[in-house]
N, C-alpha and C. Protein backbone atom coordinates (compact mmCIF):
# COMPACT_ATOMS: atom_id res chain seq x y z
N UNK A 1 -1.15 5.13 -0.52
CA UNK A 1 -1.30 3.86 -1.19
C UNK A 1 -2.71 3.75 -1.78
N UNK A 2 -3.69 4.31 -1.07
CA UNK A 2 -5.04 4.25 -1.58
C UNK A 2 -5.15 4.85 -2.96
N UNK A 3 -4.53 5.99 -3.19
CA UNK A 3 -4.51 6.65 -4.50
C UNK A 3 -3.84 5.79 -5.55
N UNK A 4 -2.70 5.18 -5.20
CA UNK A 4 -2.01 4.35 -6.19
C UNK A 4 -2.83 3.08 -6.50
N UNK A 5 -3.45 2.44 -5.50
CA UNK A 5 -4.23 1.30 -5.72
C UNK A 5 -5.47 1.62 -6.51
N UNK A 6 -6.01 2.82 -6.38
CA UNK A 6 -7.19 3.21 -7.13
C UNK A 6 -6.96 3.56 -8.53
N UNK A 7 -5.73 3.59 -8.99
CA UNK A 7 -5.41 4.00 -10.35
C UNK A 7 -5.08 2.75 -11.24
N UNK A 8 -5.44 2.80 -12.51
CA UNK A 8 -5.09 1.72 -13.42
C UNK A 8 -3.78 2.01 -14.11
N UNK A 9 -3.04 3.06 -13.78
CA UNK A 9 -1.74 3.38 -14.37
C UNK A 9 -0.83 4.04 -13.34
N UNK A 10 0.44 4.05 -13.60
CA UNK A 10 1.35 4.74 -12.65
C UNK A 10 1.01 6.25 -12.58
N UNK A 11 1.26 6.88 -11.41
CA UNK A 11 0.89 8.29 -11.20
C UNK A 11 2.14 9.06 -10.79
N UNK A 12 2.14 10.34 -11.21
CA UNK A 12 3.20 11.28 -10.79
C UNK A 12 2.93 11.81 -9.40
N UNK A 13 3.91 12.43 -8.81
CA UNK A 13 3.69 13.04 -7.53
C UNK A 13 2.60 14.08 -7.57
N UNK A 14 2.60 14.86 -8.71
CA UNK A 14 1.57 15.85 -8.88
C UNK A 14 0.14 15.25 -8.92
N UNK A 15 0.03 14.13 -9.57
CA UNK A 15 -1.34 13.49 -9.60
C UNK A 15 -1.72 12.96 -8.25
N UNK A 16 -0.80 12.37 -7.54
CA UNK A 16 -1.13 11.87 -6.17
C UNK A 16 -1.47 13.06 -5.27
N UNK A 17 -0.70 14.13 -5.38
CA UNK A 17 -0.91 15.33 -4.54
C UNK A 17 -2.26 15.93 -4.90
N UNK A 18 -2.63 16.01 -6.16
CA UNK A 18 -3.94 16.53 -6.56
C UNK A 18 -5.07 15.72 -5.98
N UNK A 19 -4.94 14.41 -5.98
CA UNK A 19 -5.97 13.54 -5.49
C UNK A 19 -6.14 13.66 -4.00
N UNK A 20 -5.02 13.78 -3.31
CA UNK A 20 -5.02 13.86 -1.82
C UNK A 20 -5.45 15.26 -1.34
N UNK A 21 -5.21 16.29 -2.15
CA UNK A 21 -5.48 17.66 -1.79
C UNK A 21 -7.02 17.80 -1.56
N UNK A 22 -7.84 16.98 -2.22
CA UNK A 22 -9.29 17.07 -2.09
C UNK A 22 -9.75 16.74 -0.65
N UNK A 23 -8.93 15.93 0.03
CA UNK A 23 -9.29 15.51 1.38
C UNK A 23 -8.50 16.19 2.48
N UNK A 24 -7.26 16.47 2.19
CA UNK A 24 -6.33 17.07 3.20
C UNK A 24 -5.43 18.09 2.56
N UNK A 25 -4.95 19.00 3.33
CA UNK A 25 -4.00 20.03 2.86
C UNK A 25 -2.56 19.52 3.15
N UNK A 26 -2.03 18.74 2.24
CA UNK A 26 -0.68 18.18 2.42
C UNK A 26 0.26 18.89 1.46
N UNK A 27 1.49 19.14 1.92
CA UNK A 27 2.46 19.78 1.02
C UNK A 27 2.92 18.78 -0.07
N UNK A 28 3.22 19.39 -1.25
CA UNK A 28 3.71 18.56 -2.37
C UNK A 28 4.98 17.87 -1.96
N UNK A 29 5.86 18.47 -1.22
CA UNK A 29 7.09 17.81 -0.85
C UNK A 29 6.86 16.65 0.15
N UNK A 30 5.81 16.75 0.90
CA UNK A 30 5.46 15.66 1.84
C UNK A 30 5.05 14.43 1.07
N UNK A 31 4.21 14.62 0.00
CA UNK A 31 3.82 13.52 -0.87
C UNK A 31 5.02 12.92 -1.59
N UNK A 32 5.95 13.80 -2.08
CA UNK A 32 7.15 13.31 -2.73
C UNK A 32 8.00 12.50 -1.79
N UNK A 33 8.17 12.91 -0.59
CA UNK A 33 8.95 12.20 0.38
C UNK A 33 8.32 10.84 0.75
N UNK A 34 7.00 10.82 0.93
CA UNK A 34 6.35 9.54 1.28
C UNK A 34 6.48 8.56 0.08
N UNK A 35 6.23 9.01 -1.17
CA UNK A 35 6.39 8.09 -2.27
C UNK A 35 7.77 7.57 -2.46
N UNK A 36 8.76 8.41 -2.17
CA UNK A 36 10.16 7.97 -2.23
C UNK A 36 10.39 6.94 -1.16
N UNK A 37 9.89 7.14 0.05
CA UNK A 37 10.14 6.14 1.13
C UNK A 37 9.38 4.86 0.79
N UNK A 38 8.17 4.90 0.24
CA UNK A 38 7.44 3.69 -0.13
C UNK A 38 8.27 2.90 -1.20
N UNK A 39 8.95 3.62 -2.03
CA UNK A 39 9.74 2.94 -3.06
C UNK A 39 10.93 2.27 -2.45
N UNK A 40 11.61 2.98 -1.50
CA UNK A 40 12.78 2.39 -0.84
C UNK A 40 12.42 1.18 0.01
N UNK A 41 11.18 1.20 0.49
CA UNK A 41 10.74 0.02 1.33
C UNK A 41 10.25 -1.11 0.46
N UNK A 42 10.09 -0.92 -0.86
CA UNK A 42 9.65 -1.96 -1.77
C UNK A 42 8.14 -2.09 -1.82
N UNK A 43 7.44 -1.07 -1.33
CA UNK A 43 5.99 -1.11 -1.37
C UNK A 43 5.44 -0.54 -2.64
N UNK A 44 6.20 0.38 -3.22
CA UNK A 44 5.88 0.99 -4.48
C UNK A 44 7.07 0.89 -5.43
N UNK A 45 6.82 1.07 -6.70
CA UNK A 45 7.94 1.18 -7.65
C UNK A 45 7.80 2.45 -8.41
N UNK A 46 8.87 2.83 -9.12
CA UNK A 46 8.78 4.07 -9.88
C UNK A 46 9.57 3.94 -11.18
N UNK A 47 9.13 4.69 -12.17
CA UNK A 47 9.77 4.69 -13.45
C UNK A 47 9.85 6.14 -13.89
N UNK A 48 10.97 6.47 -14.55
CA UNK A 48 11.14 7.85 -15.02
C UNK A 48 10.48 8.06 -16.37
N UNK A 49 9.57 9.02 -16.47
CA UNK A 49 8.86 9.31 -17.65
C UNK A 49 9.15 10.75 -17.95
N UNK A 50 9.99 11.05 -18.91
CA UNK A 50 10.40 12.41 -19.18
C UNK A 50 11.16 12.91 -17.94
N UNK A 51 10.68 13.92 -17.27
CA UNK A 51 11.33 14.51 -16.11
C UNK A 51 10.62 14.11 -14.85
N UNK A 52 9.57 13.31 -14.94
CA UNK A 52 8.75 13.01 -13.73
C UNK A 52 8.83 11.50 -13.39
N UNK A 53 8.88 11.21 -12.11
CA UNK A 53 8.80 9.84 -11.64
C UNK A 53 7.32 9.46 -11.57
N UNK A 54 7.04 8.24 -12.13
CA UNK A 54 5.68 7.74 -12.04
C UNK A 54 5.70 6.58 -11.07
N UNK A 55 4.75 6.54 -10.11
CA UNK A 55 4.72 5.56 -9.08
C UNK A 55 3.54 4.60 -9.24
N UNK A 56 3.81 3.33 -8.83
CA UNK A 56 2.73 2.36 -8.89
C UNK A 56 2.95 1.37 -7.69
N UNK A 57 1.90 0.74 -7.20
CA UNK A 57 2.07 -0.25 -6.12
C UNK A 57 2.76 -1.50 -6.66
N UNK A 58 3.58 -2.11 -5.78
CA UNK A 58 4.27 -3.30 -6.15
C UNK A 58 3.29 -4.53 -6.03
N UNK A 59 2.37 -4.46 -5.05
CA UNK A 59 1.44 -5.54 -4.77
C UNK A 59 0.03 -4.94 -4.64
N UNK A 60 -0.93 -5.83 -4.81
CA UNK A 60 -2.28 -5.37 -4.56
C UNK A 60 -2.53 -5.15 -3.08
N UNK A 61 -3.60 -4.51 -2.76
CA UNK A 61 -3.96 -4.29 -1.34
C UNK A 61 -4.16 -5.63 -0.62
N UNK A 62 -4.87 -6.58 -1.30
CA UNK A 62 -5.06 -7.92 -0.71
C UNK A 62 -3.78 -8.62 -0.47
N UNK A 63 -2.86 -8.60 -1.41
CA UNK A 63 -1.56 -9.21 -1.22
C UNK A 63 -0.79 -8.62 -0.02
N UNK A 64 -0.88 -7.27 0.13
CA UNK A 64 -0.15 -6.64 1.25
C UNK A 64 -0.84 -7.05 2.57
N UNK A 65 -2.16 -7.05 2.62
CA UNK A 65 -2.82 -7.53 3.85
C UNK A 65 -2.43 -8.93 4.15
N UNK A 66 -2.46 -9.80 3.17
CA UNK A 66 -2.12 -11.22 3.45
C UNK A 66 -0.67 -11.36 3.94
N UNK A 67 0.25 -10.57 3.36
CA UNK A 67 1.60 -10.56 3.86
C UNK A 67 1.71 -10.17 5.31
N UNK A 68 0.97 -9.11 5.72
CA UNK A 68 0.93 -8.70 7.11
C UNK A 68 0.34 -9.78 8.02
N UNK A 69 -0.72 -10.38 7.56
CA UNK A 69 -1.31 -11.49 8.35
C UNK A 69 -0.33 -12.60 8.52
N UNK A 70 0.29 -12.99 7.48
CA UNK A 70 1.34 -14.10 7.51
C UNK A 70 2.42 -13.75 8.53
N UNK A 71 2.90 -12.53 8.47
CA UNK A 71 3.95 -12.08 9.36
C UNK A 71 3.48 -12.20 10.79
N UNK A 72 2.27 -11.71 11.08
CA UNK A 72 1.77 -11.76 12.43
C UNK A 72 1.58 -13.21 12.90
N UNK A 73 1.06 -14.07 12.03
CA UNK A 73 0.85 -15.46 12.44
C UNK A 73 2.14 -16.30 12.54
N UNK A 74 3.18 -15.91 11.87
CA UNK A 74 4.39 -16.73 11.87
C UNK A 74 4.99 -16.94 13.27
N UNK A 75 4.68 -16.11 14.23
CA UNK A 75 5.26 -16.25 15.56
C UNK A 75 4.39 -17.22 16.42
N UNK A 76 3.25 -17.63 15.89
CA UNK A 76 2.40 -18.55 16.66
C UNK A 76 2.56 -20.03 16.33
N UNK A 77 2.36 -20.92 17.26
CA UNK A 77 2.32 -22.32 16.90
C UNK A 77 1.25 -22.60 15.86
N UNK A 78 1.39 -23.68 15.12
CA UNK A 78 0.46 -24.04 14.03
C UNK A 78 -0.96 -24.06 14.47
N UNK A 79 -1.24 -24.70 15.66
CA UNK A 79 -2.61 -24.79 16.15
C UNK A 79 -3.22 -23.41 16.40
N UNK A 80 -2.45 -22.54 16.92
CA UNK A 80 -2.91 -21.15 17.23
C UNK A 80 -3.10 -20.33 15.90
N UNK A 81 -2.24 -20.64 14.92
CA UNK A 81 -2.43 -20.01 13.63
C UNK A 81 -3.79 -20.43 13.03
N UNK A 82 -4.09 -21.70 13.10
CA UNK A 82 -5.34 -22.14 12.56
C UNK A 82 -6.57 -21.48 13.31
N UNK A 83 -6.44 -21.44 14.62
CA UNK A 83 -7.52 -20.83 15.41
C UNK A 83 -7.66 -19.31 15.10
N UNK A 84 -6.59 -18.66 14.88
CA UNK A 84 -6.68 -17.21 14.58
C UNK A 84 -7.28 -17.07 13.16
N UNK A 85 -6.95 -17.92 12.18
CA UNK A 85 -7.53 -17.79 10.85
C UNK A 85 -9.04 -18.14 10.86
N UNK A 86 -9.41 -19.12 11.74
CA UNK A 86 -10.84 -19.41 11.86
C UNK A 86 -11.61 -18.19 12.42
N UNK A 87 -11.06 -17.52 13.38
CA UNK A 87 -11.69 -16.33 13.93
C UNK A 87 -11.82 -15.21 12.97
N UNK A 88 -10.77 -15.04 12.13
CA UNK A 88 -10.80 -13.96 11.12
C UNK A 88 -11.89 -14.32 10.09
N UNK A 89 -12.00 -15.60 9.74
CA UNK A 89 -13.03 -16.03 8.77
C UNK A 89 -14.44 -15.80 9.32
N UNK A 90 -14.58 -16.10 10.60
CA UNK A 90 -15.87 -15.85 11.27
C UNK A 90 -16.27 -14.42 11.29
N UNK A 91 -15.28 -13.55 11.60
CA UNK A 91 -15.53 -12.05 11.64
C UNK A 91 -15.92 -11.52 10.26
N UNK A 92 -15.21 -12.03 9.28
CA UNK A 92 -15.48 -11.55 7.92
C UNK A 92 -16.82 -12.00 7.43
N UNK A 93 -17.24 -13.24 7.79
CA UNK A 93 -18.51 -13.77 7.36
C UNK A 93 -19.66 -13.11 8.00
N UNK A 94 -19.49 -12.55 9.25
CA UNK A 94 -20.64 -11.97 9.95
C UNK A 94 -20.86 -10.51 9.61
């Protein structure tokens, strides 16, 4: 996702693989599988361009984090949700 978020345009599997290869030795098929799974989960979307699928994030990194935080907080009573958000704000500010 970092590679997709870092791009201003949709990327092919080859482009994502090339970007990740600088840091780790991952197989091309591994990258292809992960991008396909991200698409099935609704985290990324893809469009066919010629013979290659181009992938892009469905939401920004901030939107995804906010969604995760909301999911985590949804199980708490409202007063505890507020307390948790206050603590997050304090940690971020310091």
